[in-house]
Amino acid sequence: MRSTQIRKTFTDFFTSRGHQQVPSSPLIPDGPTLLLANAGMNQFKPYFLGETTPPFPRATSIQKYARTSDIDNVGRTDRHATFFEMMGNFSFGDYFKEDAIAFAWELLTQGYGLEKDKL
């Protein structure tokens, strides 16, 4: 499966279950607390902190982010990189762990067709 199909399957799955698809925020966040986006939930931080009411109860996104925890190793090996995309589904008080686990299981086994006995 190509990366474009992995992304499409992910976003189609969650939007079909009531999640608002939200575009990636910039790699350089608007705010004083981060130099670079380092997690998929950064753009939703005001919702989780209760500073702003979210305009939707569920969201899904594919966020660009930079990993910096091992930035000194970039270029020394093939496995160290800094730029990634993080696919995420988020609930702002609409559902919790039990439903998130059920969504993940359904996505993996039905959306991506992974064998249940190998998970």
N, C-alpha and C. Protein backbone atom coordinates (compact mmCIF):
# COMPACT_ATOMS: atom_id res chain seq x y z
N MET A 1 0.85 -1.18 0.00
CA MET A 1 0.00 0.00 0.00
C MET A 1 0.90 1.24 0.00
N ARG A 2 0.61 2.17 -0.86
CA ARG A 2 1.39 3.40 -0.96
C ARG A 2 0.96 4.40 0.13
N SER A 3 1.84 5.32 0.43
CA SER A 3 1.56 6.28 1.50
C SER A 3 0.31 7.12 1.21
N THR A 4 0.05 7.44 -0.05
CA THR A 4 -1.16 8.21 -0.37
C THR A 4 -2.41 7.41 -0.03
N GLN A 5 -2.39 6.10 -0.24
CA GLN A 5 -3.55 5.27 0.08
C GLN A 5 -3.68 5.09 1.60
N ILE A 6 -2.56 5.01 2.30
CA ILE A 6 -2.61 4.93 3.76
C ILE A 6 -3.27 6.18 4.33
N ARG A 7 -2.88 7.35 3.85
CA ARG A 7 -3.47 8.61 4.31
C ARG A 7 -4.97 8.67 3.98
N LYS A 8 -5.32 8.33 2.74
CA LYS A 8 -6.72 8.40 2.31
C LYS A 8 -7.60 7.45 3.12
N THR A 9 -7.12 6.23 3.33
CA THR A 9 -7.88 5.26 4.13
C THR A 9 -8.11 5.80 5.53
N PHE A 10 -7.08 6.38 6.11
CA PHE A 10 -7.17 6.93 7.47
C PHE A 10 -8.20 8.05 7.54
N THR A 11 -8.05 9.05 6.68
CA THR A 11 -8.97 10.20 6.75
C THR A 11 -10.38 9.81 6.35
N ASP A 12 -10.54 8.95 5.35
CA ASP A 12 -11.89 8.49 4.98
C ASP A 12 -12.56 7.75 6.13
N PHE A 13 -11.79 6.91 6.82
CA PHE A 13 -12.32 6.15 7.95
C PHE A 13 -12.87 7.09 9.02
N PHE A 14 -12.06 8.04 9.43
CA PHE A 14 -12.49 8.90 10.54
C PHE A 14 -13.53 9.94 10.12
N THR A 15 -13.46 10.46 8.93
CA THR A 15 -14.51 11.41 8.51
C THR A 15 -15.85 10.68 8.38
N SER A 16 -15.84 9.41 8.00
CA SER A 16 -17.10 8.66 7.90
C SER A 16 -17.68 8.37 9.28
N ARG A 17 -16.91 8.58 10.32
CA ARG A 17 -17.37 8.38 11.69
C ARG A 17 -17.49 9.70 12.45
N GLY A 18 -17.74 10.77 11.70
CA GLY A 18 -18.09 12.04 12.31
C GLY A 18 -16.94 12.96 12.70
N HIS A 19 -15.73 12.65 12.27
CA HIS A 19 -14.59 13.51 12.57
C HIS A 19 -14.45 14.58 11.48
N GLN A 20 -14.20 15.79 11.91
CA GLN A 20 -13.94 16.89 10.99
C GLN A 20 -12.50 16.79 10.51
N GLN A 21 -12.29 16.72 9.20
CA GLN A 21 -10.92 16.70 8.69
C GLN A 21 -10.35 18.11 8.78
N VAL A 22 -9.20 18.22 9.44
CA VAL A 22 -8.55 19.50 9.66
C VAL A 22 -7.19 19.46 8.97
N PRO A 23 -6.85 20.49 8.20
CA PRO A 23 -5.54 20.48 7.55
C PRO A 23 -4.40 20.61 8.56
N SER A 24 -3.24 20.20 8.14
CA SER A 24 -2.05 20.32 8.98
C SER A 24 -1.82 21.79 9.31
N SER A 25 -1.44 22.04 10.55
CA SER A 25 -1.02 23.41 10.89
C SER A 25 0.41 23.58 10.39
N PRO A 26 0.92 24.80 10.36
CA PRO A 26 2.29 25.01 9.88
C PRO A 26 3.33 24.27 10.74
N LEU A 27 4.43 23.95 10.13
CA LEU A 27 5.52 23.29 10.84
C LEU A 27 6.09 24.22 11.92
N ILE A 28 6.03 25.52 11.67
CA ILE A 28 6.43 26.50 12.68
C ILE A 28 5.15 27.06 13.29
N PRO A 29 4.85 26.66 14.53
CA PRO A 29 3.58 27.03 15.16
C PRO A 29 3.47 28.52 15.46
N ASP A 30 2.23 28.97 15.56
CA ASP A 30 1.95 30.34 15.94
C ASP A 30 1.77 30.36 17.46
N GLY A 31 2.78 30.75 18.15
CA GLY A 31 2.71 30.78 19.61
C GLY A 31 4.10 30.69 20.22
N PRO A 32 4.20 31.10 21.47
CA PRO A 32 5.52 31.19 22.12
C PRO A 32 6.03 29.90 22.75
N THR A 33 5.22 28.84 22.79
CA THR A 33 5.62 27.66 23.56
C THR A 33 6.39 26.62 22.76
N LEU A 34 6.37 26.69 21.42
CA LEU A 34 7.07 25.71 20.60
C LEU A 34 7.85 26.37 19.48
N LEU A 35 9.02 25.86 19.22
CA LEU A 35 9.81 26.32 18.09
C LEU A 35 9.35 25.65 16.80
N LEU A 36 9.07 24.33 16.89
CA LEU A 36 8.59 23.54 15.76
C LEU A 36 7.44 22.66 16.23
N ALA A 37 6.53 22.33 15.32
CA ALA A 37 5.47 21.38 15.65
C ALA A 37 6.12 20.03 15.93
N ASN A 38 5.84 19.46 17.09
CA ASN A 38 6.47 18.20 17.47
C ASN A 38 5.45 17.11 17.81
N ALA A 39 4.17 17.39 17.54
CA ALA A 39 3.12 16.41 17.80
C ALA A 39 1.89 16.77 16.98
N GLY A 40 1.09 15.77 16.73
CA GLY A 40 -0.12 15.97 15.94
C GLY A 40 -1.19 16.79 16.64
N MET A 41 -1.12 16.83 17.96
CA MET A 41 -2.16 17.54 18.70
C MET A 41 -1.86 19.00 18.98
N ASN A 42 -0.71 19.49 18.55
CA ASN A 42 -0.33 20.87 18.87
C ASN A 42 -1.39 21.89 18.46
N GLN A 43 -1.97 21.73 17.28
CA GLN A 43 -2.95 22.71 16.83
C GLN A 43 -4.24 22.67 17.66
N PHE A 44 -4.44 21.60 18.41
CA PHE A 44 -5.65 21.47 19.22
C PHE A 44 -5.40 21.82 20.69
N LYS A 45 -4.21 22.27 21.00
CA LYS A 45 -3.84 22.59 22.37
C LYS A 45 -4.83 23.54 23.07
N PRO A 46 -5.29 24.62 22.41
CA PRO A 46 -6.25 25.51 23.09
C PRO A 46 -7.55 24.80 23.48
N TYR A 47 -7.96 23.78 22.73
CA TYR A 47 -9.18 23.03 23.05
C TYR A 47 -8.95 22.16 24.28
N PHE A 48 -7.81 21.45 24.29
CA PHE A 48 -7.51 20.57 25.42
C PHE A 48 -7.27 21.34 26.71
N LEU A 49 -6.74 22.55 26.60
CA LEU A 49 -6.50 23.37 27.79
C LEU A 49 -7.75 24.14 28.24
N GLY A 50 -8.82 24.07 27.45
CA GLY A 50 -10.05 24.77 27.80
C GLY A 50 -10.01 26.26 27.52
N GLU A 51 -9.04 26.71 26.73
CA GLU A 51 -8.93 28.13 26.40
C GLU A 51 -9.93 28.55 25.34
N THR A 52 -10.32 27.61 24.49
CA THR A 52 -11.25 27.85 23.38
C THR A 52 -12.18 26.66 23.25
N THR A 53 -13.40 26.92 22.88
CA THR A 53 -14.33 25.83 22.63
C THR A 53 -14.14 25.33 21.21
N PRO A 54 -13.94 24.03 21.04
CA PRO A 54 -13.74 23.51 19.68
C PRO A 54 -15.01 23.66 18.85
N PRO A 55 -14.87 23.93 17.54
CA PRO A 55 -16.05 24.09 16.69
C PRO A 55 -16.67 22.76 16.26
N PHE A 56 -16.07 21.65 16.69
CA PHE A 56 -16.56 20.31 16.34
C PHE A 56 -16.13 19.37 17.47
N PRO A 57 -16.89 18.28 17.71
CA PRO A 57 -16.55 17.39 18.82
C PRO A 57 -15.45 16.39 18.50
N ARG A 58 -15.18 16.16 17.20
CA ARG A 58 -14.17 15.19 16.78
C ARG A 58 -13.37 15.75 15.62
N ALA A 59 -12.10 15.40 15.55
CA ALA A 59 -11.26 15.88 14.45
C ALA A 59 -10.31 14.78 14.01
N THR A 60 -9.88 14.88 12.77
CA THR A 60 -8.81 14.03 12.25
C THR A 60 -7.88 14.90 11.43
N SER A 61 -6.59 14.59 11.49
CA SER A 61 -5.63 15.39 10.74
C SER A 61 -4.40 14.56 10.40
N ILE A 62 -3.65 15.06 9.44
CA ILE A 62 -2.34 14.52 9.13
C ILE A 62 -1.39 15.70 9.29
N GLN A 63 -0.75 15.74 10.45
CA GLN A 63 0.05 16.89 10.86
C GLN A 63 1.52 16.71 10.50
N LYS A 64 2.07 17.71 9.86
CA LYS A 64 3.52 17.74 9.64
C LYS A 64 4.19 18.05 10.97
N TYR A 65 5.29 17.33 11.26
CA TYR A 65 5.99 17.67 12.50
C TYR A 65 7.47 17.32 12.39
N ALA A 66 8.22 17.92 13.27
CA ALA A 66 9.67 17.72 13.31
C ALA A 66 10.05 17.04 14.61
N ARG A 67 10.83 15.98 14.48
CA ARG A 67 11.33 15.28 15.66
C ARG A 67 12.73 15.82 15.94
N THR A 68 12.94 16.24 17.16
CA THR A 68 14.25 16.83 17.49
C THR A 68 14.97 16.11 18.61
N SER A 69 14.35 15.08 19.18
CA SER A 69 14.96 14.42 20.34
C SER A 69 16.32 13.79 20.03
N ASP A 70 16.53 13.39 18.77
CA ASP A 70 17.82 12.80 18.40
C ASP A 70 18.41 13.52 17.19
N ILE A 71 18.22 14.81 17.13
CA ILE A 71 18.63 15.60 15.96
C ILE A 71 20.15 15.52 15.70
N ASP A 72 20.92 15.26 16.75
CA ASP A 72 22.37 15.14 16.57
C ASP A 72 22.76 13.92 15.74
N ASN A 73 21.85 12.95 15.62
CA ASN A 73 22.14 11.73 14.86
C ASN A 73 21.68 11.80 13.40
N VAL A 74 20.99 12.85 13.02
CA VAL A 74 20.51 12.98 11.65
C VAL A 74 21.70 13.03 10.71
N GLY A 75 21.64 12.22 9.66
CA GLY A 75 22.71 12.17 8.68
C GLY A 75 23.79 11.15 9.00
N ARG A 76 23.81 10.66 10.22
CA ARG A 76 24.81 9.65 10.60
C ARG A 76 24.35 8.24 10.25
N THR A 77 23.02 8.03 10.27
CA THR A 77 22.47 6.73 9.91
C THR A 77 21.28 6.95 8.98
N ASP A 78 20.86 5.89 8.29
CA ASP A 78 19.69 5.98 7.41
C ASP A 78 18.38 6.05 8.18
N ARG A 79 18.38 5.67 9.42
CA ARG A 79 17.12 5.61 10.15
C ARG A 79 16.79 6.87 10.94
N HIS A 80 17.67 7.82 10.96
CA HIS A 80 17.39 9.06 11.69
C HIS A 80 16.94 10.14 10.71
N ALA A 81 15.77 10.64 10.96
CA ALA A 81 15.21 11.72 10.15
C ALA A 81 14.51 12.69 11.10
N THR A 82 14.13 13.84 10.58
CA THR A 82 13.49 14.82 11.45
C THR A 82 12.09 15.20 11.01
N PHE A 83 11.74 15.01 9.74
CA PHE A 83 10.43 15.43 9.26
C PHE A 83 9.51 14.22 9.08
N PHE A 84 8.32 14.31 9.65
CA PHE A 84 7.35 13.22 9.59
C PHE A 84 5.95 13.81 9.42
N GLU A 85 5.01 12.93 9.20
CA GLU A 85 3.59 13.28 9.25
C GLU A 85 2.95 12.35 10.26
N MET A 86 2.15 12.93 11.13
CA MET A 86 1.48 12.16 12.16
C MET A 86 -0.02 12.16 11.87
N MET A 87 -0.58 10.97 11.68
CA MET A 87 -2.02 10.86 11.46
C MET A 87 -2.67 10.74 12.83
N GLY A 88 -3.72 11.51 13.05
CA GLY A 88 -4.35 11.48 14.36
C GLY A 88 -5.85 11.63 14.30
N ASN A 89 -6.50 11.04 15.29
CA ASN A 89 -7.93 11.26 15.51
C ASN A 89 -8.08 11.79 16.92
N PHE A 90 -8.94 12.77 17.07
CA PHE A 90 -9.05 13.49 18.34
C PHE A 90 -10.52 13.64 18.74
N SER A 91 -10.75 13.51 20.03
CA SER A 91 -12.07 13.74 20.60
C SER A 91 -11.94 14.84 21.64
N PHE A 92 -12.85 15.79 21.57
CA PHE A 92 -12.85 16.89 22.54
C PHE A 92 -14.00 16.66 23.52
N GLY A 93 -13.89 15.54 24.27
CA GLY A 93 -14.90 15.18 25.25
C GLY A 93 -16.04 14.36 24.67
N ASP A 94 -15.95 13.97 23.41
CA ASP A 94 -17.04 13.23 22.75
C ASP A 94 -16.93 11.72 22.97
N TYR A 95 -15.74 11.17 22.98
CA TYR A 95 -15.52 9.77 23.28
C TYR A 95 -14.18 9.61 23.99
N PHE A 96 -14.00 8.42 24.54
CA PHE A 96 -12.81 8.21 25.35
C PHE A 96 -12.11 6.91 24.94
N LYS A 97 -11.25 6.37 25.78
CA LYS A 97 -10.37 5.26 25.42
C LYS A 97 -11.10 4.06 24.79
N GLU A 98 -12.20 3.65 25.37
CA GLU A 98 -12.91 2.47 24.87
C GLU A 98 -13.28 2.63 23.40
N ASP A 99 -13.84 3.77 23.04
CA ASP A 99 -14.22 4.02 21.65
C ASP A 99 -12.99 4.23 20.77
N ALA A 100 -11.95 4.88 21.29
CA ALA A 100 -10.72 5.08 20.51
C ALA A 100 -10.08 3.74 20.17
N ILE A 101 -10.10 2.81 21.11
CA ILE A 101 -9.55 1.47 20.86
C ILE A 101 -10.38 0.74 19.82
N ALA A 102 -11.71 0.85 19.91
CA ALA A 102 -12.59 0.21 18.92
C ALA A 102 -12.36 0.79 17.53
N PHE A 103 -12.21 2.11 17.43
CA PHE A 103 -11.90 2.74 16.14
C PHE A 103 -10.58 2.21 15.58
N ALA A 104 -9.56 2.15 16.42
CA ALA A 104 -8.25 1.69 15.96
C ALA A 104 -8.31 0.25 15.46
N TRP A 105 -9.00 -0.60 16.20
CA TRP A 105 -9.13 -2.01 15.80
C TRP A 105 -9.85 -2.12 14.45
N GLU A 106 -10.93 -1.40 14.30
CA GLU A 106 -11.68 -1.44 13.05
C GLU A 106 -10.85 -0.91 11.88
N LEU A 107 -10.14 0.18 12.10
CA LEU A 107 -9.30 0.75 11.04
C LEU A 107 -8.22 -0.26 10.63
N LEU A 108 -7.55 -0.85 11.60
CA LEU A 108 -6.47 -1.78 11.29
C LEU A 108 -6.96 -3.05 10.60
N THR A 109 -8.06 -3.62 11.10
CA THR A 109 -8.51 -4.91 10.58
C THR A 109 -9.40 -4.78 9.34
N GLN A 110 -10.23 -3.75 9.29
CA GLN A 110 -11.12 -3.59 8.14
C GLN A 110 -10.59 -2.57 7.14
N GLY A 111 -10.13 -1.44 7.63
CA GLY A 111 -9.62 -0.39 6.75
C GLY A 111 -8.34 -0.79 6.04
N TYR A 112 -7.39 -1.34 6.81
CA TYR A 112 -6.10 -1.73 6.23
C TYR A 112 -6.00 -3.23 5.97
N GLY A 113 -6.98 -3.99 6.44
CA GLY A 113 -7.00 -5.43 6.16
C GLY A 113 -5.95 -6.24 6.87
N LEU A 114 -5.46 -5.78 8.01
CA LEU A 114 -4.47 -6.56 8.77
C LEU A 114 -5.16 -7.76 9.43
N GLU A 115 -4.44 -8.84 9.51
CA GLU A 115 -4.99 -10.06 10.10
C GLU A 115 -5.09 -9.93 11.62
N LYS A 116 -6.28 -10.21 12.15
CA LYS A 116 -6.53 -10.05 13.58
C LYS A 116 -5.58 -10.88 14.43
N ASP A 117 -5.30 -12.10 14.01
CA ASP A 117 -4.46 -12.97 14.82
C ASP A 117 -2.98 -12.59 14.80
N LYS A 118 -2.62 -11.63 13.96
CA LYS A 118 -1.24 -11.16 13.92
C LYS A 118 -1.06 -9.84 14.68
N LEU A 119 -2.13 -9.31 15.22
CA LEU A 119 -2.05 -8.07 15.99
C LEU A 119 -1.95 -8.36 17.48
